[in-house]
Amino acid sequence: MNNDKSINDLLNSLDGIKRAAPPDFFYTRLRARMEKEQGRTVQSGWWILKPVYAIALIAMVIVVNLAVVLIKTDTQNTLTNDSDKFQTIAADYNLADNGSFYEINQENK
């Protein structure tokens, strides 16, 4: 009988319990925060995750690098020829070597 009374007391103690309620405007604030987070993730870097854009970006970088390398090697070959041409033109017109900027300023003083 003692056990029945303790069980009944325990069950009766649950009669006064009410359902927990969230704070005022909880769902409104939650929805606003979720929409804000969703908008933030969509805006930041969405295009780089698409394979089409990533492949195009990589291809563009490779093309630019190849162009720079090819232009540099072509420029090095023509520089030796150009310097010979400049020396020939200078000799034809009897142009002297101008020297450095410092030497020119020393002559003017």
PDB file of N, CA and C in Angstrom:
ATOM      1  N   MET A   1       0.815  -1.185   0.000  1.00  0.00           N
ATOM      2  CA  MET A   1       0.000   0.000   0.000  1.00  0.00           C
ATOM      3  C   MET A   1       0.862   1.255   0.000  1.00  0.00           C
ATOM      4  N   ASN A   2       1.968   1.155   0.644  1.00  0.00           N
ATOM      5  CA  ASN A   2       2.875   2.285   0.708  1.00  0.00           C
ATOM      6  C   ASN A   2       3.442   2.599  -0.678  1.00  0.00           C
ATOM      7  N   ASN A   3       3.680   1.551  -1.432  1.00  0.00           N
ATOM      8  CA  ASN A   3       4.195   1.747  -2.797  1.00  0.00           C
ATOM      9  C   ASN A   3       3.147   2.375  -3.700  1.00  0.00           C
ATOM     10  N   ASP A   4       1.881   1.967  -3.509  1.00  0.00           N
ATOM     11  CA  ASP A   4       0.807   2.531  -4.327  1.00  0.00           C
ATOM     12  C   ASP A   4       0.642   4.027  -4.050  1.00  0.00           C
ATOM     13  N   LYS A   5       0.810   4.400  -2.791  1.00  0.00           N
ATOM     14  CA  LYS A   5       0.664   5.798  -2.441  1.00  0.00           C
ATOM     15  C   LYS A   5       1.806   6.625  -3.023  1.00  0.00           C
ATOM     16  N   SER A   6       3.005   6.134  -2.988  1.00  0.00           N
ATOM     17  CA  SER A   6       4.145   6.876  -3.545  1.00  0.00           C
ATOM     18  C   SER A   6       4.045   6.972  -5.073  1.00  0.00           C
ATOM     19  N   ILE A   7       3.506   5.933  -5.697  1.00  0.00           N
ATOM     20  CA  ILE A   7       3.320   5.970  -7.146  1.00  0.00           C
ATOM     21  C   ILE A   7       2.233   6.975  -7.501  1.00  0.00           C
ATOM     22  N   ASN A   8       1.151   6.968  -6.760  1.00  0.00           N
ATOM     23  CA  ASN A   8       0.069   7.926  -7.005  1.00  0.00           C
ATOM     24  C   ASN A   8       0.531   9.363  -6.750  1.00  0.00           C
ATOM     25  N   ASP A   9       1.321   9.569  -5.722  1.00  0.00           N
ATOM     26  CA  ASP A   9       1.855  10.912  -5.450  1.00  0.00           C
ATOM     27  C   ASP A   9       2.762  11.371  -6.603  1.00  0.00           C
ATOM     28  N   LEU A  10       3.534  10.444  -7.110  1.00  0.00           N
ATOM     29  CA  LEU A  10       4.424  10.770  -8.222  1.00  0.00           C
ATOM     30  C   LEU A  10       3.633  11.107  -9.476  1.00  0.00           C
ATOM     31  N   LEU A  11       2.636  10.361  -9.786  1.00  0.00           N
ATOM     32  CA  LEU A  11       1.807  10.626 -10.964  1.00  0.00           C
ATOM     33  C   LEU A  11       0.991  11.907 -10.796  1.00  0.00           C
ATOM     34  N   ASN A  12       0.519  12.187  -9.605  1.00  0.00           N
ATOM     35  CA  ASN A  12      -0.261  13.399  -9.354  1.00  0.00           C
ATOM     36  C   ASN A  12       0.620  14.652  -9.417  1.00  0.00           C
ATOM     37  N   SER A  13       1.903  14.497  -9.164  1.00  0.00           N
ATOM     38  CA  SER A  13       2.782  15.666  -9.229  1.00  0.00           C
ATOM     39  C   SER A  13       2.940  16.174 -10.666  1.00  0.00           C
ATOM     40  N   LEU A  14       2.673  15.330 -11.638  1.00  0.00           N
ATOM     41  CA  LEU A  14       2.773  15.730 -13.032  1.00  0.00           C
ATOM     42  C   LEU A  14       1.533  16.461 -13.527  1.00  0.00           C
ATOM     43  N   ASP A  15       0.477  16.511 -12.737  1.00  0.00           N
ATOM     44  CA  ASP A  15      -0.760  17.157 -13.170  1.00  0.00           C
ATOM     45  C   ASP A  15      -0.610  18.666 -13.351  1.00  0.00           C
ATOM     46  N   GLY A  16       0.232  19.321 -12.620  1.00  0.00           N
ATOM     47  CA  GLY A  16       0.358  20.772 -12.691  1.00  0.00           C
ATOM     48  C   GLY A  16       1.356  21.256 -13.755  1.00  0.00           C
ATOM     49  N   ILE A  17       1.968  20.342 -14.449  1.00  0.00           N
ATOM     50  CA  ILE A  17       2.974  20.737 -15.443  1.00  0.00           C
ATOM     51  C   ILE A  17       2.279  21.304 -16.672  1.00  0.00           C
ATOM     52  N   LYS A  18       2.823  22.424 -17.150  1.00  0.00           N
ATOM     53  CA  LYS A  18       2.302  23.049 -18.355  1.00  0.00           C
ATOM     54  C   LYS A  18       3.347  22.904 -19.469  1.00  0.00           C
ATOM     55  N   ARG A  19       2.875  23.005 -20.664  1.00  0.00           N
ATOM     56  CA  ARG A  19       3.750  22.908 -21.832  1.00  0.00           C
ATOM     57  C   ARG A  19       4.690  24.125 -21.868  1.00  0.00           C
ATOM     58  N   ALA A  20       5.956  23.885 -22.176  1.00  0.00           N
ATOM     59  CA  ALA A  20       6.933  24.976 -22.262  1.00  0.00           C
ATOM     60  C   ALA A  20       6.610  25.841 -23.474  1.00  0.00           C
ATOM     61  N   ALA A  21       6.689  27.148 -23.271  1.00  0.00           N
ATOM     62  CA  ALA A  21       6.376  28.094 -24.340  1.00  0.00           C
ATOM     63  C   ALA A  21       7.638  28.867 -24.701  1.00  0.00           C
ATOM     64  N   PRO A  22       7.883  29.093 -25.999  1.00  0.00           N
ATOM     65  CA  PRO A  22       9.067  29.875 -26.396  1.00  0.00           C
ATOM     66  C   PRO A  22       8.849  31.344 -26.073  1.00  0.00           C
ATOM     67  N   PRO A  23       9.918  32.121 -26.040  1.00  0.00           N
ATOM     68  CA  PRO A  23       9.780  33.558 -25.796  1.00  0.00           C
ATOM     69  C   PRO A  23       8.981  34.223 -26.923  1.00  0.00           C
ATOM     70  N   ASP A  24       8.529  35.427 -26.638  1.00  0.00           N
ATOM     71  CA  ASP A  24       7.744  36.163 -27.625  1.00  0.00           C
ATOM     72  C   ASP A  24       8.557  36.375 -28.906  1.00  0.00           C
ATOM     73  N   PHE A  25       7.913  36.267 -30.046  1.00  0.00           N
ATOM     74  CA  PHE A  25       8.491  36.495 -31.369  1.00  0.00           C
ATOM     75  C   PHE A  25       9.688  35.592 -31.668  1.00  0.00           C
ATOM     76  N   PHE A  26       9.740  34.427 -31.032  1.00  0.00           N
ATOM     77  CA  PHE A  26      10.855  33.502 -31.246  1.00  0.00           C
ATOM     78  C   PHE A  26      10.893  33.013 -32.694  1.00  0.00           C
ATOM     79  N   TYR A  27       9.766  32.587 -33.199  1.00  0.00           N
ATOM     80  CA  TYR A  27       9.723  32.033 -34.554  1.00  0.00           C
ATOM     81  C   TYR A  27       9.991  33.111 -35.610  1.00  0.00           C
ATOM     82  N   THR A  28       9.556  34.327 -35.340  1.00  0.00           N
ATOM     83  CA  THR A  28       9.820  35.420 -36.272  1.00  0.00           C
ATOM     84  C   THR A  28      11.310  35.705 -36.352  1.00  0.00           C
ATOM     85  N   ARG A  29      11.968  35.767 -35.192  1.00  0.00           N
ATOM     86  CA  ARG A  29      13.408  36.014 -35.175  1.00  0.00           C
ATOM     87  C   ARG A  29      14.177  34.844 -35.784  1.00  0.00           C
ATOM     88  N   LEU A  30      13.710  33.626 -35.517  1.00  0.00           N
ATOM     89  CA  LEU A  30      14.367  32.446 -36.077  1.00  0.00           C
ATOM     90  C   LEU A  30      14.261  32.440 -37.596  1.00  0.00           C
ATOM     91  N   ARG A  31      13.084  32.726 -38.116  1.00  0.00           N
ATOM     92  CA  ARG A  31      12.892  32.750 -39.564  1.00  0.00           C
ATOM     93  C   ARG A  31      13.748  33.851 -40.205  1.00  0.00           C
ATOM     94  N   ALA A  32      13.820  35.024 -39.572  1.00  0.00           N
ATOM     95  CA  ALA A  32      14.638  36.116 -40.109  1.00  0.00           C
ATOM     96  C   ALA A  32      16.114  35.735 -40.124  1.00  0.00           C
ATOM     97  N   ARG A  33      16.588  35.090 -39.091  1.00  0.00           N
ATOM     98  CA  ARG A  33      17.986  34.670 -39.027  1.00  0.00           C
ATOM     99  C   ARG A  33      18.285  33.613 -40.081  1.00  0.00           C
ATOM    100  N   MET A  34      17.353  32.679 -40.275  1.00  0.00           N
ATOM    101  CA  MET A  34      17.550  31.634 -41.287  1.00  0.00           C
ATOM    102  C   MET A  34      17.578  32.228 -42.695  1.00  0.00           C
ATOM    103  N   GLU A  35      16.712  33.180 -42.975  1.00  0.00           N
ATOM    104  CA  GLU A  35      16.704  33.817 -44.292  1.00  0.00           C
ATOM    105  C   GLU A  35      17.972  34.637 -44.515  1.00  0.00           C
ATOM    106  N   LYS A  36      18.450  35.269 -43.456  1.00  0.00           N
ATOM    107  CA  LYS A  36      19.677  36.050 -43.555  1.00  0.00           C
ATOM    108  C   LYS A  36      20.869  35.136 -43.862  1.00  0.00           C
ATOM    109  N   GLU A  37      20.964  34.001 -43.179  1.00  0.00           N
ATOM    110  CA  GLU A  37      22.042  33.049 -43.413  1.00  0.00           C
ATOM    111  C   GLU A  37      21.945  32.447 -44.806  1.00  0.00           C
ATOM    112  N   GLN A  38      20.743  32.153 -45.253  1.00  0.00           N
ATOM    113  CA  GLN A  38      20.561  31.570 -46.576  1.00  0.00           C
ATOM    114  C   GLN A  38      20.969  32.575 -47.650  1.00  0.00           C
ATOM    115  N   GLY A  39      20.613  33.821 -47.480  1.00  0.00           N
ATOM    116  CA  GLY A  39      21.003  34.855 -48.427  1.00  0.00           C
ATOM    117  C   GLY A  39      22.502  35.077 -48.445  1.00  0.00           C
ATOM    118  N   ARG A  40      23.154  34.954 -47.312  1.00  0.00           N
ATOM    119  CA  ARG A  40      24.595  35.163 -47.214  1.00  0.00           C
ATOM    120  C   ARG A  40      25.353  34.059 -47.928  1.00  0.00           C
ATOM    121  N   THR A  41      24.941  32.822 -47.780  1.00  0.00           N
ATOM    122  CA  THR A  41      25.657  31.725 -48.415  1.00  0.00           C
ATOM    123  C   THR A  41      25.449  31.728 -49.918  1.00  0.00           C
ATOM    124  N   VAL A  42      24.326  32.191 -50.383  1.00  0.00           N
ATOM    125  CA  VAL A  42      24.069  32.233 -51.813  1.00  0.00           C
ATOM    126  C   VAL A  42      24.940  33.304 -52.465  1.00  0.00           C
ATOM    127  N   GLN A  43      25.146  34.420 -51.811  1.00  0.00           N
ATOM    128  CA  GLN A  43      25.873  35.534 -52.399  1.00  0.00           C
ATOM    129  C   GLN A  43      27.374  35.304 -52.426  1.00  0.00           C
ATOM    130  N   SER A  44      27.926  34.600 -51.486  1.00  0.00           N
ATOM    131  CA  SER A  44      29.376  34.522 -51.376  1.00  0.00           C
ATOM    132  C   SER A  44      29.938  33.325 -52.131  1.00  0.00           C
ATOM    133  N   GLY A  45      30.481  33.593 -53.309  1.00  0.00           N
ATOM    134  CA  GLY A  45      31.217  32.589 -54.050  1.00  0.00           C
ATOM    135  C   GLY A  45      30.403  31.483 -54.677  1.00  0.00           C
ATOM    136  N   TRP A  46      29.182  31.717 -55.008  1.00  0.00           N
ATOM    137  CA  TRP A  46      28.358  30.653 -55.591  1.00  0.00           C
ATOM    138  C   TRP A  46      28.835  30.272 -56.971  1.00  0.00           C
ATOM    139  N   TRP A  47      29.399  31.215 -57.708  1.00  0.00           N
ATOM    140  CA  TRP A  47      29.777  30.947 -59.090  1.00  0.00           C
ATOM    141  C   TRP A  47      31.040  30.105 -59.186  1.00  0.00           C
ATOM    142  N   ILE A  48      31.943  30.211 -58.226  1.00  0.00           N
ATOM    143  CA  ILE A  48      33.195  29.453 -58.295  1.00  0.00           C
ATOM    144  C   ILE A  48      32.950  27.971 -58.053  1.00  0.00           C
ATOM    145  N   LEU A  49      31.846  27.632 -57.428  1.00  0.00           N
ATOM    146  CA  LEU A  49      31.556  26.228 -57.154  1.00  0.00           C
ATOM    147  C   LEU A  49      31.016  25.495 -58.371  1.00  0.00           C
ATOM    148  N   LYS A  50      30.575  26.231 -59.363  1.00  0.00           N
ATOM    149  CA  LYS A  50      30.075  25.584 -60.569  1.00  0.00           C
ATOM    150  C   LYS A  50      31.266  25.145 -61.422  1.00  0.00           C
ATOM    151  N   PRO A  51      31.279  23.908 -61.882  1.00  0.00           N
ATOM    152  CA  PRO A  51      32.429  23.391 -62.632  1.00  0.00           C
ATOM    153  C   PRO A  51      32.719  24.159 -63.919  1.00  0.00           C
ATOM    154  N   VAL A  52      31.692  24.676 -64.561  1.00  0.00           N
ATOM    155  CA  VAL A  52      31.910  25.414 -65.808  1.00  0.00           C
ATOM    156  C   VAL A  52      32.788  26.629 -65.558  1.00  0.00           C
ATOM    157  N   TYR A  53      32.502  27.371 -64.515  1.00  0.00           N
ATOM    158  CA  TYR A  53      33.269  28.572 -64.210  1.00  0.00           C
ATOM    159  C   TYR A  53      34.678  28.221 -63.735  1.00  0.00           C
ATOM    160  N   ALA A  54      34.801  27.177 -62.958  1.00  0.00           N
ATOM    161  CA  ALA A  54      36.119  26.781 -62.459  1.00  0.00           C
ATOM    162  C   ALA A  54      37.016  26.331 -63.614  1.00  0.00           C
ATOM    163  N   ILE A  55      36.488  25.546 -64.535  1.00  0.00           N
ATOM    164  CA  ILE A  55      37.277  25.083 -65.677  1.00  0.00           C
ATOM    165  C   ILE A  55      37.650  26.255 -66.578  1.00  0.00           C
ATOM    166  N   ALA A  56      36.718  27.164 -66.795  1.00  0.00           N
ATOM    167  CA  ALA A  56      37.020  28.337 -67.623  1.00  0.00           C
ATOM    168  C   ALA A  56      38.109  29.190 -66.984  1.00  0.00           C
ATOM    169  N   LEU A  57      38.063  29.355 -65.677  1.00  0.00           N
ATOM    170  CA  LEU A  57      39.075  30.146 -64.981  1.00  0.00           C
ATOM    171  C   LEU A  57      40.446  29.490 -65.088  1.00  0.00           C
ATOM    172  N   ILE A  58      40.513  28.191 -64.900  1.00  0.00           N
ATOM    173  CA  ILE A  58      41.786  27.472 -65.003  1.00  0.00           C
ATOM    174  C   ILE A  58      42.327  27.556 -66.423  1.00  0.00           C
ATOM    175  N   ALA A  59      41.459  27.383 -67.422  1.00  0.00           N
ATOM    176  CA  ALA A  59      41.902  27.468 -68.815  1.00  0.00           C
ATOM    177  C   ALA A  59      42.426  28.861 -69.143  1.00  0.00           C
ATOM    178  N   MET A  60      41.780  29.891 -68.622  1.00  0.00           N
ATOM    179  CA  MET A  60      42.222  31.251 -68.877  1.00  0.00           C
ATOM    180  C   MET A  60      43.593  31.505 -68.259  1.00  0.00           C
ATOM    181  N   VAL A  61      43.827  31.002 -67.072  1.00  0.00           N
ATOM    182  CA  VAL A  61      45.124  31.176 -66.417  1.00  0.00           C
ATOM    183  C   VAL A  61      46.216  30.471 -67.224  1.00  0.00           C
ATOM    184  N   ILE A  62      45.924  29.278 -67.716  1.00  0.00           N
ATOM    185  CA  ILE A  62      46.913  28.535 -68.502  1.00  0.00           C
ATOM    186  C   ILE A  62      47.222  29.267 -69.808  1.00  0.00           C
ATOM    187  N   VAL A  63      46.213  29.789 -70.474  1.00  0.00           N
ATOM    188  CA  VAL A  63      46.422  30.510 -71.732  1.00  0.00           C
ATOM    189  C   VAL A  63      47.255  31.764 -71.501  1.00  0.00           C
ATOM    190  N   VAL A  64      46.982  32.500 -70.458  1.00  0.00           N
ATOM    191  CA  VAL A  64      47.757  33.710 -70.162  1.00  0.00           C
ATOM    192  C   VAL A  64      49.205  33.352 -69.860  1.00  0.00           C
ATOM    193  N   ASN A  65      49.426  32.297 -69.104  1.00  0.00           N
ATOM    194  CA  ASN A  65      50.798  31.877 -68.796  1.00  0.00           C
ATOM    195  C   ASN A  65      51.543  31.463 -70.057  1.00  0.00           C
ATOM    196  N   LEU A  66      50.897  30.705 -70.924  1.00  0.00           N
ATOM    197  CA  LEU A  66      51.547  30.303 -72.175  1.00  0.00           C
ATOM    198  C   LEU A  66      51.870  31.512 -73.043  1.00  0.00           C
ATOM    199  N   ALA A  67      50.953  32.467 -73.113  1.00  0.00           N
ATOM    200  CA  ALA A  67      51.191  33.663 -73.909  1.00  0.00           C
ATOM    201  C   ALA A  67      52.390  34.443 -73.374  1.00  0.00           C
ATOM    202  N   VAL A  68      52.494  34.570 -72.073  1.00  0.00           N
ATOM    203  CA  VAL A  68      53.616  35.302 -71.478  1.00  0.00           C
ATOM    204  C   VAL A  68      54.931  34.591 -71.782  1.00  0.00           C
ATOM    205  N   VAL A  69      54.958  33.280 -71.665  1.00  0.00           N
ATOM    206  CA  VAL A  69      56.188  32.527 -71.927  1.00  0.00           C
ATOM    207  C   VAL A  69      56.582  32.654 -73.398  1.00  0.00           C
ATOM    208  N   LEU A  70      55.635  32.503 -74.301  1.00  0.00           N
ATOM    209  CA  LEU A  70      55.947  32.582 -75.730  1.00  0.00           C
ATOM    210  C   LEU A  70      56.396  33.984 -76.132  1.00  0.00           C
ATOM    211  N   ILE A  71      55.764  35.006 -75.605  1.00  0.00           N
ATOM    212  CA  ILE A  71      56.159  36.375 -75.923  1.00  0.00           C
ATOM    213  C   ILE A  71      57.550  36.677 -75.368  1.00  0.00           C
ATOM    214  N   LYS A  72      57.840  36.176 -74.170  1.00  0.00           N
ATOM    215  CA  LYS A  72      59.147  36.431 -73.564  1.00  0.00           C
ATOM    216  C   LYS A  72      60.261  35.796 -74.378  1.00  0.00           C
ATOM    217  N   THR A  73      60.086  34.555 -74.827  1.00  0.00           N
ATOM    218  CA  THR A  73      61.137  33.909 -75.624  1.00  0.00           C
ATOM    219  C   THR A  73      61.283  34.593 -76.971  1.00  0.00           C
ATOM    220  N   ASP A  74      60.189  35.042 -77.567  1.00  0.00           N
ATOM    221  CA  ASP A  74      60.250  35.743 -78.846  1.00  0.00           C
ATOM    222  C   ASP A  74      60.934  37.095 -78.689  1.00  0.00           C
ATOM    223  N   THR A  75      60.684  37.774 -77.586  1.00  0.00           N
ATOM    224  CA  THR A  75      61.286  39.080 -77.324  1.00  0.00           C
ATOM    225  C   THR A  75      62.789  38.941 -77.103  1.00  0.00           C
ATOM    226  N   GLN A  76      63.226  37.911 -76.448  1.00  0.00           N
ATOM    227  CA  GLN A  76      64.654  37.720 -76.209  1.00  0.00           C
ATOM    228  C   GLN A  76      65.396  37.485 -77.523  1.00  0.00           C
ATOM    229  N   ASN A  77      64.775  36.787 -78.451  1.00  0.00           N
ATOM    230  CA  ASN A  77      65.414  36.552 -79.746  1.00  0.00           C
ATOM    231  C   ASN A  77      65.513  37.832 -80.565  1.00  0.00           C
ATOM    232  N   THR A  78      64.505  38.673 -80.506  1.00  0.00           N
ATOM    233  CA  THR A  78      64.522  39.898 -81.308  1.00  0.00           C
ATOM    234  C   THR A  78      65.367  40.989 -80.671  1.00  0.00           C
ATOM    235  N   LEU A  79      65.617  40.924 -79.383  1.00  0.00           N
ATOM    236  CA  LEU A  79      66.431  41.961 -78.740  1.00  0.00           C
ATOM    237  C   LEU A  79      67.856  41.938 -79.255  1.00  0.00           C
ATOM    238  N   THR A  80      68.398  40.772 -79.475  1.00  0.00           N
ATOM    239  CA  THR A  80      69.773  40.725 -79.981  1.00  0.00           C
ATOM    240  C   THR A  80      69.839  41.295 -81.384  1.00  0.00           C
ATOM    241  N   ASN A  81      68.838  41.027 -82.184  1.00  0.00           N
ATOM    242  CA  ASN A  81      68.814  41.575 -83.539  1.00  0.00           C
ATOM    243  C   ASN A  81      68.574  43.083 -83.519  1.00  0.00           C
ATOM    244  N   ASP A  82      67.708  43.550 -82.634  1.00  0.00           N
ATOM    245  CA  ASP A  82      67.413  44.976 -82.547  1.00  0.00           C
ATOM    246  C   ASP A  82      68.626  45.779 -82.098  1.00  0.00           C
ATOM    247  N   SER A  83      69.396  45.242 -81.155  1.00  0.00           N
ATOM    248  CA  SER A  83      70.567  45.990 -80.692  1.00  0.00           C
ATOM    249  C   SER A  83      71.581  46.146 -81.814  1.00  0.00           C
ATOM    250  N   ASP A  84      71.716  45.139 -82.669  1.00  0.00           N
ATOM    251  CA  ASP A  84      72.607  45.259 -83.823  1.00  0.00           C
ATOM    252  C   ASP A  84      72.096  46.330 -84.776  1.00  0.00           C
ATOM    253  N   LYS A  85      70.788  46.388 -84.974  1.00  0.00           N
ATOM    254  CA  LYS A  85      70.205  47.389 -85.865  1.00  0.00           C
ATOM    255  C   LYS A  85      70.430  48.794 -85.323  1.00  0.00           C
ATOM    256  N   PHE A  86      70.265  48.974 -84.029  1.00  0.00           N
ATOM    257  CA  PHE A  86      70.461  50.292 -83.430  1.00  0.00           C
ATOM    258  C   PHE A  86      71.920  50.745 -83.563  1.00  0.00           C
ATOM    259  N   GLN A  87      72.839  49.826 -83.394  1.00  0.00           N
ATOM    260  CA  GLN A  87      74.247  50.185 -83.528  1.00  0.00           C
ATOM    261  C   GLN A  87      74.572  50.565 -84.968  1.00  0.00           C
ATOM    262  N   THR A  88      73.957  49.872 -85.914  1.00  0.00           N
ATOM    263  CA  THR A  88      74.175  50.191 -87.322  1.00  0.00           C
ATOM    264  C   THR A  88      73.626  51.576 -87.645  1.00  0.00           C
ATOM    265  N   ILE A  89      72.426  51.879 -87.158  1.00  0.00           N
ATOM    266  CA  ILE A  89      71.830  53.191 -87.402  1.00  0.00           C
ATOM    267  C   ILE A  89      72.658  54.284 -86.743  1.00  0.00           C
ATOM    268  N   ALA A  90      73.133  54.051 -85.535  1.00  0.00           N
ATOM    269  CA  ALA A  90      73.953  55.042 -84.837  1.00  0.00           C
ATOM    270  C   ALA A  90      75.251  55.293 -85.589  1.00  0.00           C
ATOM    271  N   ALA A  91      75.825  54.249 -86.137  1.00  0.00           N
ATOM    272  CA  ALA A  91      77.064  54.419 -86.892  1.00  0.00           C
ATOM    273  C   ALA A  91      76.796  55.170 -88.191  1.00  0.00           C
ATOM    274  N   ASP A  92      75.663  54.917 -88.859  1.00  0.00           N
ATOM    275  CA  ASP A  92      75.339  55.599 -90.114  1.00  0.00           C
ATOM    276  C   ASP A  92      75.152  57.097 -89.909  1.00  0.00           C
ATOM    277  N   TYR A  93      74.548  57.481 -88.808  1.00  0.00           N
ATOM    278  CA  TYR A  93      74.277  58.892 -88.558  1.00  0.00           C
ATOM    279  C   TYR A  93      75.327  59.551 -87.666  1.00  0.00           C
ATOM    280  N   ASN A  94      76.391  58.856 -87.398  1.00  0.00           N
ATOM    281  CA  ASN A  94      77.484  59.356 -86.552  1.00  0.00           C
ATOM    282  C   ASN A  94      76.978  59.799 -85.181  1.00  0.00           C
ATOM    283  N   LEU A  95      76.131  59.005 -84.603  1.00  0.00           N
ATOM    284  CA  LEU A  95      75.608  59.304 -83.265  1.00  0.00           C
ATOM    285  C   LEU A  95      76.530  58.694 -82.230  1.00  0.00           C
ATOM    286  N   ALA A  96      76.893  59.481 -81.250  1.00  0.00           N
ATOM    287  CA  ALA A  96      77.765  58.985 -80.196  1.00  0.00           C
ATOM    288  C   ALA A  96      76.915  58.366 -79.092  1.00  0.00           C
ATOM    289  N   ASP A  97      77.562  57.579 -78.294  1.00  0.00           N
ATOM    290  CA  ASP A  97      76.889  57.001 -77.130  1.00  0.00           C
ATOM    291  C   ASP A  97      76.587  58.127 -76.159  1.00  0.00           C
ATOM    292  N   ASN A  98      75.343  58.250 -75.752  1.00  0.00           N
ATOM    293  CA  ASN A  98      74.938  59.355 -74.887  1.00  0.00           C
ATOM    294  C   ASN A  98      75.488  59.235 -73.477  1.00  0.00           C
ATOM    295  N   GLY A  99      75.878  58.076 -73.079  1.00  0.00           N
ATOM    296  CA  GLY A  99      76.386  57.913 -71.731  1.00  0.00           C
ATOM    297  C   GLY A  99      75.246  57.891 -70.740  1.00  0.00           C
ATOM    298  N   SER A 100      75.583  58.182 -69.524  1.00  0.00           N
ATOM    299  CA  SER A 100      74.550  58.149 -68.491  1.00  0.00           C
ATOM    300  C   SER A 100      74.020  59.553 -68.222  1.00  0.00           C
ATOM    301  N   PHE A 101      72.967  59.635 -67.507  1.00  0.00           N
ATOM    302  CA  PHE A 101      72.353  60.902 -67.145  1.00  0.00           C
ATOM    303  C   PHE A 101      73.306  61.745 -66.300  1.00  0.00           C
ATOM    304  N   TYR A 102      74.088  61.085 -65.474  1.00  0.00           N
ATOM    305  CA  TYR A 102      75.027  61.792 -64.607  1.00  0.00           C
ATOM    306  C   TYR A 102      76.104  62.502 -65.424  1.00  0.00           C
ATOM    307  N   GLU A 103      76.613  61.845 -66.460  1.00  0.00           N
ATOM    308  CA  GLU A 103      77.660  62.432 -67.291  1.00  0.00           C
ATOM    309  C   GLU A 103      77.121  63.635 -68.069  1.00  0.00           C
ATOM    310  N   ILE A 104      75.881  63.552 -68.519  1.00  0.00           N
ATOM    311  CA  ILE A 104      75.285  64.658 -69.259  1.00  0.00           C
ATOM    312  C   ILE A 104      75.129  65.873 -68.366  1.00  0.00           C
ATOM    313  N   ASN A 105      74.717  65.673 -67.144  1.00  0.00           N
ATOM    314  CA  ASN A 105      74.546  66.789 -66.203  1.00  0.00           C
ATOM    315  C   ASN A 105      75.893  67.398 -65.824  1.00  0.00           C
ATOM    316  N   GLN A 106      76.952  66.622 -65.785  1.00  0.00           N
ATOM    317  CA  GLN A 106      78.270  67.147 -65.438  1.00  0.00           C
ATOM    318  C   GLN A 106      78.796  68.065 -66.547  1.00  0.00           C
ATOM    319  N   GLU A 107      78.461  67.750 -67.786  1.00  0.00           N
ATOM    320  CA  GLU A 107      78.926  68.576 -68.905  1.00  0.00           C
ATOM    321  C   GLU A 107      78.217  69.929 -68.927  1.00  0.00           C
ATOM    322  N   ASN A 108      76.972  69.985 -68.472  1.00  0.00           N
ATOM    323  CA  ASN A 108      76.212  71.240 -68.489  1.00  0.00           C
ATOM    324  C   ASN A 108      76.646  72.226 -67.416  1.00  0.00           C
ATOM    325  N   LYS A 109      77.375  71.815 -66.417  1.00  0.00           N
ATOM    326  CA  LYS A 109      77.770  72.711 -65.319  1.00  0.00           C
ATOM    327  C   LYS A 109      78.918  73.565 -65.658  1.00  0.00           C
TER     328      LYS A 109
END
